[in-house]
Amino acid sequence: MLDKLLELPIHFNIMSTPYITKIELPDQSGRECEIIISGNWPNPSWRHTETIIDFNDIERTVSIKYLGKSKGGIAMQMLKSFSDTIKIKFPSSGEWRLLINGRSNIREYNVFIK
């Protein structure tokens, strides 16, 4: 049994979202806008790998998943801060609900696109 446990990988390299601490929407004057996301990865071995943006025209929502994964191995157990800019183009003007998935919650913002 112990032999089987020793064969398991130390890290399964699963993608996940970071802890989101701050969202900035500096300019909402057009259909294209930038969103600045700041937060923390669980430890220094985590890196951003992919951003998934889903638009729902019927519910007028935009869901953003900012994903990363650990490179594995041994890492100091301390948070690693980050800040990144995401550019999105809204399909139409008007009011939209922005949903940003974080590790511990979903942040929700109402934005009005001109």
N, C-alpha and C. Protein backbone atom coordinates (compact mmCIF):
# COMPACT_ATOMS: atom_id res chain seq x y z
N MET A 1 0.82 -1.19 0.00
CA MET A 1 0.00 0.00 0.00
C MET A 1 0.87 1.26 0.00
N LEU A 2 1.91 1.29 0.82
CA LEU A 2 2.79 2.45 0.88
C LEU A 2 3.49 2.67 -0.45
N ASP A 3 3.83 1.58 -1.15
CA ASP A 3 4.45 1.71 -2.47
C ASP A 3 3.54 2.45 -3.44
N LYS A 4 2.25 2.17 -3.39
CA LYS A 4 1.28 2.83 -4.27
C LYS A 4 1.18 4.32 -3.94
N LEU A 5 1.18 4.69 -2.67
CA LEU A 5 1.12 6.09 -2.27
C LEU A 5 2.36 6.85 -2.75
N LEU A 6 3.50 6.22 -2.71
CA LEU A 6 4.73 6.88 -3.13
C LEU A 6 4.77 7.12 -4.64
N GLU A 7 3.96 6.39 -5.40
CA GLU A 7 3.91 6.58 -6.84
C GLU A 7 3.05 7.77 -7.25
N LEU A 8 2.22 8.30 -6.33
CA LEU A 8 1.35 9.42 -6.67
C LEU A 8 2.19 10.68 -6.89
N PRO A 9 1.81 11.53 -7.85
CA PRO A 9 2.55 12.77 -8.06
C PRO A 9 2.37 13.71 -6.86
N ILE A 10 3.38 14.55 -6.62
CA ILE A 10 3.32 15.48 -5.50
C ILE A 10 2.24 16.53 -5.76
N HIS A 11 2.08 16.94 -6.99
CA HIS A 11 1.09 17.97 -7.32
C HIS A 11 0.35 17.53 -8.58
N PHE A 12 -0.96 17.67 -8.61
CA PHE A 12 -1.75 17.22 -9.74
C PHE A 12 -1.87 18.27 -10.83
N ASN A 13 -1.36 19.48 -10.61
CA ASN A 13 -1.32 20.54 -11.63
C ASN A 13 -2.71 20.89 -12.16
N ILE A 14 -3.63 21.13 -11.25
CA ILE A 14 -5.00 21.49 -11.60
C ILE A 14 -5.11 23.00 -11.74
N MET A 15 -5.85 23.46 -12.77
CA MET A 15 -6.05 24.90 -12.95
C MET A 15 -7.06 25.41 -11.93
N SER A 16 -6.83 26.64 -11.46
CA SER A 16 -7.72 27.25 -10.49
C SER A 16 -7.64 28.76 -10.60
N THR A 17 -8.55 29.44 -9.92
CA THR A 17 -8.56 30.90 -9.90
C THR A 17 -7.77 31.40 -8.69
N PRO A 18 -7.27 32.64 -8.75
CA PRO A 18 -6.55 33.20 -7.61
C PRO A 18 -7.53 33.86 -6.63
N TYR A 19 -7.00 34.35 -5.52
CA TYR A 19 -7.76 35.19 -4.62
C TYR A 19 -7.80 36.59 -5.24
N ILE A 20 -8.97 37.10 -5.56
CA ILE A 20 -9.12 38.42 -6.16
C ILE A 20 -9.29 39.44 -5.03
N THR A 21 -8.43 40.47 -5.01
CA THR A 21 -8.52 41.47 -3.95
C THR A 21 -9.02 42.82 -4.44
N LYS A 22 -8.85 43.10 -5.74
CA LYS A 22 -9.24 44.42 -6.24
C LYS A 22 -9.57 44.34 -7.73
N ILE A 23 -10.62 45.04 -8.13
CA ILE A 23 -11.01 45.16 -9.53
C ILE A 23 -11.10 46.64 -9.86
N GLU A 24 -10.49 47.06 -10.95
CA GLU A 24 -10.58 48.45 -11.39
C GLU A 24 -11.14 48.50 -12.81
N LEU A 25 -12.08 49.41 -13.02
CA LEU A 25 -12.66 49.64 -14.34
C LEU A 25 -12.39 51.10 -14.68
N PRO A 26 -11.17 51.41 -15.13
CA PRO A 26 -10.79 52.81 -15.30
C PRO A 26 -11.57 53.57 -16.36
N ASP A 27 -11.98 52.91 -17.44
CA ASP A 27 -12.64 53.62 -18.53
C ASP A 27 -13.75 52.75 -19.11
N GLN A 28 -14.97 53.24 -19.02
CA GLN A 28 -16.12 52.52 -19.58
C GLN A 28 -16.77 53.34 -20.67
N SER A 29 -15.99 54.13 -21.39
CA SER A 29 -16.57 55.07 -22.35
C SER A 29 -16.90 54.44 -23.70
N GLY A 30 -16.45 53.22 -23.94
CA GLY A 30 -16.73 52.58 -25.22
C GLY A 30 -17.00 51.11 -25.04
N ARG A 31 -17.28 50.42 -26.15
CA ARG A 31 -17.56 48.98 -26.07
C ARG A 31 -16.32 48.17 -25.75
N GLU A 32 -15.14 48.71 -26.04
CA GLU A 32 -13.90 48.06 -25.64
C GLU A 32 -13.40 48.69 -24.36
N CYS A 33 -13.13 47.89 -23.35
CA CYS A 33 -12.64 48.46 -22.10
C CYS A 33 -11.61 47.54 -21.47
N GLU A 34 -10.87 48.10 -20.53
CA GLU A 34 -9.86 47.35 -19.81
C GLU A 34 -10.33 47.15 -18.37
N ILE A 35 -10.05 45.98 -17.85
CA ILE A 35 -10.35 45.66 -16.47
C ILE A 35 -9.03 45.28 -15.82
N ILE A 36 -8.71 45.93 -14.72
CA ILE A 36 -7.47 45.62 -14.00
C ILE A 36 -7.83 44.73 -12.82
N ILE A 37 -7.26 43.53 -12.81
CA ILE A 37 -7.51 42.56 -11.76
C ILE A 37 -6.25 42.44 -10.91
N SER A 38 -6.41 42.56 -9.60
CA SER A 38 -5.30 42.38 -8.66
C SER A 38 -5.69 41.31 -7.66
N GLY A 39 -4.70 40.58 -7.19
CA GLY A 39 -4.98 39.54 -6.22
C GLY A 39 -3.74 38.78 -5.82
N ASN A 40 -3.96 37.57 -5.35
CA ASN A 40 -2.87 36.73 -4.86
C ASN A 40 -3.05 35.29 -5.31
N TRP A 41 -1.94 34.70 -5.74
CA TRP A 41 -1.90 33.26 -5.97
C TRP A 41 -1.56 32.59 -4.64
N PRO A 42 -1.90 31.31 -4.45
CA PRO A 42 -1.67 30.64 -3.17
C PRO A 42 -0.20 30.59 -2.75
N ASN A 43 0.71 30.49 -3.73
CA ASN A 43 2.13 30.50 -3.42
C ASN A 43 2.92 30.89 -4.68
N PRO A 44 4.22 31.14 -4.56
CA PRO A 44 5.00 31.62 -5.71
C PRO A 44 5.10 30.68 -6.91
N SER A 45 4.72 29.42 -6.77
CA SER A 45 4.82 28.51 -7.92
C SER A 45 3.66 28.67 -8.90
N TRP A 46 2.62 29.44 -8.55
CA TRP A 46 1.46 29.61 -9.42
C TRP A 46 1.70 30.67 -10.47
N ARG A 47 1.21 30.43 -11.70
CA ARG A 47 1.32 31.36 -12.82
C ARG A 47 -0.01 31.43 -13.56
N HIS A 48 -0.28 32.60 -14.14
CA HIS A 48 -1.48 32.77 -14.97
C HIS A 48 -1.29 31.96 -16.26
N THR A 49 -2.33 31.22 -16.64
CA THR A 49 -2.23 30.40 -17.85
C THR A 49 -3.30 30.74 -18.89
N GLU A 50 -4.47 31.20 -18.43
CA GLU A 50 -5.57 31.38 -19.37
C GLU A 50 -6.63 32.31 -18.78
N THR A 51 -7.25 33.09 -19.64
CA THR A 51 -8.39 33.91 -19.25
C THR A 51 -9.57 33.51 -20.14
N ILE A 52 -10.66 33.11 -19.51
CA ILE A 52 -11.86 32.71 -20.25
C ILE A 52 -12.92 33.78 -20.04
N ILE A 53 -13.42 34.33 -21.15
CA ILE A 53 -14.46 35.36 -21.09
C ILE A 53 -15.68 34.82 -21.82
N ASP A 54 -16.80 34.73 -21.09
CA ASP A 54 -18.06 34.24 -21.65
C ASP A 54 -19.11 35.35 -21.60
N PHE A 55 -19.72 35.63 -22.75
CA PHE A 55 -20.79 36.61 -22.85
C PHE A 55 -22.13 35.89 -22.91
N ASN A 56 -23.12 36.37 -22.15
CA ASN A 56 -24.48 35.88 -22.24
C ASN A 56 -25.34 37.07 -22.64
N ASP A 57 -25.68 37.15 -23.93
CA ASP A 57 -26.44 38.29 -24.45
C ASP A 57 -27.85 38.36 -23.88
N ILE A 58 -28.46 37.23 -23.56
CA ILE A 58 -29.82 37.23 -23.04
C ILE A 58 -29.87 37.80 -21.62
N GLU A 59 -28.96 37.33 -20.74
CA GLU A 59 -28.92 37.83 -19.36
C GLU A 59 -28.04 39.07 -19.23
N ARG A 60 -27.35 39.43 -20.32
CA ARG A 60 -26.44 40.58 -20.36
C ARG A 60 -25.38 40.49 -19.26
N THR A 61 -24.74 39.32 -19.21
CA THR A 61 -23.66 39.10 -18.25
C THR A 61 -22.37 38.77 -18.99
N VAL A 62 -21.27 39.12 -18.34
CA VAL A 62 -19.94 38.76 -18.81
C VAL A 62 -19.26 38.04 -17.66
N SER A 63 -18.89 36.80 -17.88
CA SER A 63 -18.21 36.00 -16.86
C SER A 63 -16.73 35.91 -17.22
N ILE A 64 -15.88 36.28 -16.27
CA ILE A 64 -14.43 36.23 -16.50
C ILE A 64 -13.82 35.24 -15.53
N LYS A 65 -13.10 34.28 -16.08
CA LYS A 65 -12.35 33.32 -15.27
C LYS A 65 -10.87 33.52 -15.57
N TYR A 66 -10.16 34.00 -14.59
CA TYR A 66 -8.72 34.25 -14.69
C TYR A 66 -8.05 33.04 -14.05
N LEU A 67 -7.47 32.16 -14.88
CA LEU A 67 -7.01 30.86 -14.41
C LEU A 67 -5.49 30.75 -14.39
N GLY A 68 -5.02 29.93 -13.50
CA GLY A 68 -3.59 29.64 -13.42
C GLY A 68 -3.39 28.25 -12.88
N LYS A 69 -2.13 27.84 -12.86
CA LYS A 69 -1.80 26.57 -12.23
C LYS A 69 -0.39 26.61 -11.71
N SER A 70 -0.13 25.72 -10.81
CA SER A 70 1.18 25.63 -10.19
C SER A 70 2.14 24.88 -11.10
N LYS A 71 3.39 25.28 -11.08
CA LYS A 71 4.37 24.52 -11.86
C LYS A 71 4.82 23.27 -11.10
N GLY A 72 4.27 23.08 -9.91
CA GLY A 72 4.55 21.89 -9.12
C GLY A 72 5.81 22.03 -8.29
N GLY A 73 6.16 20.98 -7.63
CA GLY A 73 7.37 20.98 -6.81
C GLY A 73 7.14 21.63 -5.46
N ILE A 74 8.22 21.95 -4.81
CA ILE A 74 8.17 22.54 -3.48
C ILE A 74 8.17 24.06 -3.62
N ALA A 75 7.30 24.73 -2.88
CA ALA A 75 7.22 26.19 -2.91
C ALA A 75 7.01 26.72 -1.50
N MET A 76 7.54 27.92 -1.25
CA MET A 76 7.32 28.56 0.04
C MET A 76 5.82 28.80 0.20
N GLN A 77 5.33 28.62 1.40
CA GLN A 77 3.91 28.82 1.66
C GLN A 77 3.65 30.28 2.00
N MET A 78 3.57 31.09 0.95
CA MET A 78 3.28 32.51 1.08
C MET A 78 2.53 32.95 -0.16
N LEU A 79 1.70 33.96 -0.03
CA LEU A 79 0.94 34.44 -1.17
C LEU A 79 1.85 35.17 -2.15
N LYS A 80 1.52 35.06 -3.44
CA LYS A 80 2.25 35.78 -4.49
C LYS A 80 1.28 36.75 -5.14
N SER A 81 1.53 38.05 -4.99
CA SER A 81 0.61 39.05 -5.53
C SER A 81 0.80 39.22 -7.04
N PHE A 82 -0.26 39.71 -7.69
CA PHE A 82 -0.21 39.98 -9.13
C PHE A 82 -1.18 41.10 -9.46
N SER A 83 -1.00 41.70 -10.60
CA SER A 83 -1.93 42.66 -11.16
C SER A 83 -1.86 42.49 -12.68
N ASP A 84 -3.00 42.43 -13.33
CA ASP A 84 -3.03 42.19 -14.76
C ASP A 84 -4.19 42.96 -15.39
N THR A 85 -4.03 43.32 -16.64
CA THR A 85 -5.07 44.03 -17.37
C THR A 85 -5.70 43.10 -18.40
N ILE A 86 -7.02 43.04 -18.39
CA ILE A 86 -7.78 42.23 -19.34
C ILE A 86 -8.55 43.18 -20.23
N LYS A 87 -8.42 43.02 -21.53
CA LYS A 87 -9.17 43.83 -22.47
C LYS A 87 -10.36 43.03 -22.98
N ILE A 88 -11.54 43.63 -22.89
CA ILE A 88 -12.72 42.94 -23.40
C ILE A 88 -13.50 43.89 -24.30
N LYS A 89 -14.20 43.30 -25.25
CA LYS A 89 -15.06 44.07 -26.15
C LYS A 89 -16.49 43.58 -25.95
N PHE A 90 -17.32 44.46 -25.43
CA PHE A 90 -18.72 44.11 -25.19
C PHE A 90 -19.45 44.02 -26.53
N PRO A 91 -20.37 43.06 -26.68
CA PRO A 91 -21.09 42.89 -27.94
C PRO A 91 -22.02 44.05 -28.27
N SER A 92 -22.49 44.76 -27.24
CA SER A 92 -23.39 45.89 -27.48
C SER A 92 -23.30 46.87 -26.31
N SER A 93 -23.82 48.05 -26.53
CA SER A 93 -23.82 49.04 -25.46
C SER A 93 -24.98 48.75 -24.50
N GLY A 94 -25.02 49.49 -23.40
CA GLY A 94 -26.07 49.31 -22.41
C GLY A 94 -25.51 48.80 -21.10
N GLU A 95 -26.42 48.36 -20.22
CA GLU A 95 -26.00 47.88 -18.92
C GLU A 95 -25.65 46.39 -18.98
N TRP A 96 -24.51 46.05 -18.39
CA TRP A 96 -24.03 44.67 -18.33
C TRP A 96 -23.64 44.35 -16.89
N ARG A 97 -23.79 43.09 -16.53
CA ARG A 97 -23.34 42.60 -15.22
C ARG A 97 -22.05 41.84 -15.44
N LEU A 98 -21.02 42.25 -14.74
CA LEU A 98 -19.69 41.66 -14.87
C LEU A 98 -19.47 40.73 -13.69
N LEU A 99 -19.17 39.45 -13.96
CA LEU A 99 -18.94 38.44 -12.93
C LEU A 99 -17.49 37.97 -13.04
N ILE A 100 -16.72 38.18 -11.97
CA ILE A 100 -15.31 37.79 -11.99
C ILE A 100 -15.11 36.72 -10.93
N ASN A 101 -14.73 35.52 -11.39
CA ASN A 101 -14.58 34.37 -10.50
C ASN A 101 -13.24 34.42 -9.78
N GLY A 102 -13.29 34.40 -8.46
CA GLY A 102 -12.10 34.31 -7.63
C GLY A 102 -12.09 32.99 -6.88
N ARG A 103 -11.02 32.73 -6.19
CA ARG A 103 -10.89 31.48 -5.46
C ARG A 103 -11.92 31.35 -4.34
N SER A 104 -12.24 32.46 -3.68
CA SER A 104 -13.14 32.38 -2.54
C SER A 104 -14.52 32.99 -2.79
N ASN A 105 -14.71 33.68 -3.92
CA ASN A 105 -16.02 34.27 -4.19
C ASN A 105 -16.12 34.70 -5.66
N ILE A 106 -17.31 35.17 -6.02
CA ILE A 106 -17.53 35.75 -7.35
C ILE A 106 -17.83 37.23 -7.12
N ARG A 107 -17.01 38.09 -7.70
CA ARG A 107 -17.24 39.53 -7.58
C ARG A 107 -18.17 39.96 -8.71
N GLU A 108 -19.14 40.77 -8.35
CA GLU A 108 -20.16 41.18 -9.32
C GLU A 108 -20.19 42.71 -9.41
N TYR A 109 -20.20 43.22 -10.64
CA TYR A 109 -20.23 44.66 -10.89
C TYR A 109 -21.22 44.95 -11.99
N ASN A 110 -21.95 46.03 -11.86
CA ASN A 110 -22.81 46.51 -12.94
C ASN A 110 -22.06 47.61 -13.68
N VAL A 111 -21.97 47.47 -14.99
CA VAL A 111 -21.28 48.47 -15.79
C VAL A 111 -22.22 48.95 -16.89
N PHE A 112 -22.08 50.22 -17.24
CA PHE A 112 -22.87 50.78 -18.32
C PHE A 112 -21.92 51.12 -19.46
N ILE A 113 -22.11 50.47 -20.59
CA ILE A 113 -21.25 50.65 -21.76
C ILE A 113 -21.96 51.57 -22.74
N LYS A 114 -21.27 52.64 -23.13
CA LYS A 114 -21.85 53.63 -24.06
C LYS A 114 -21.72 53.19 -25.50
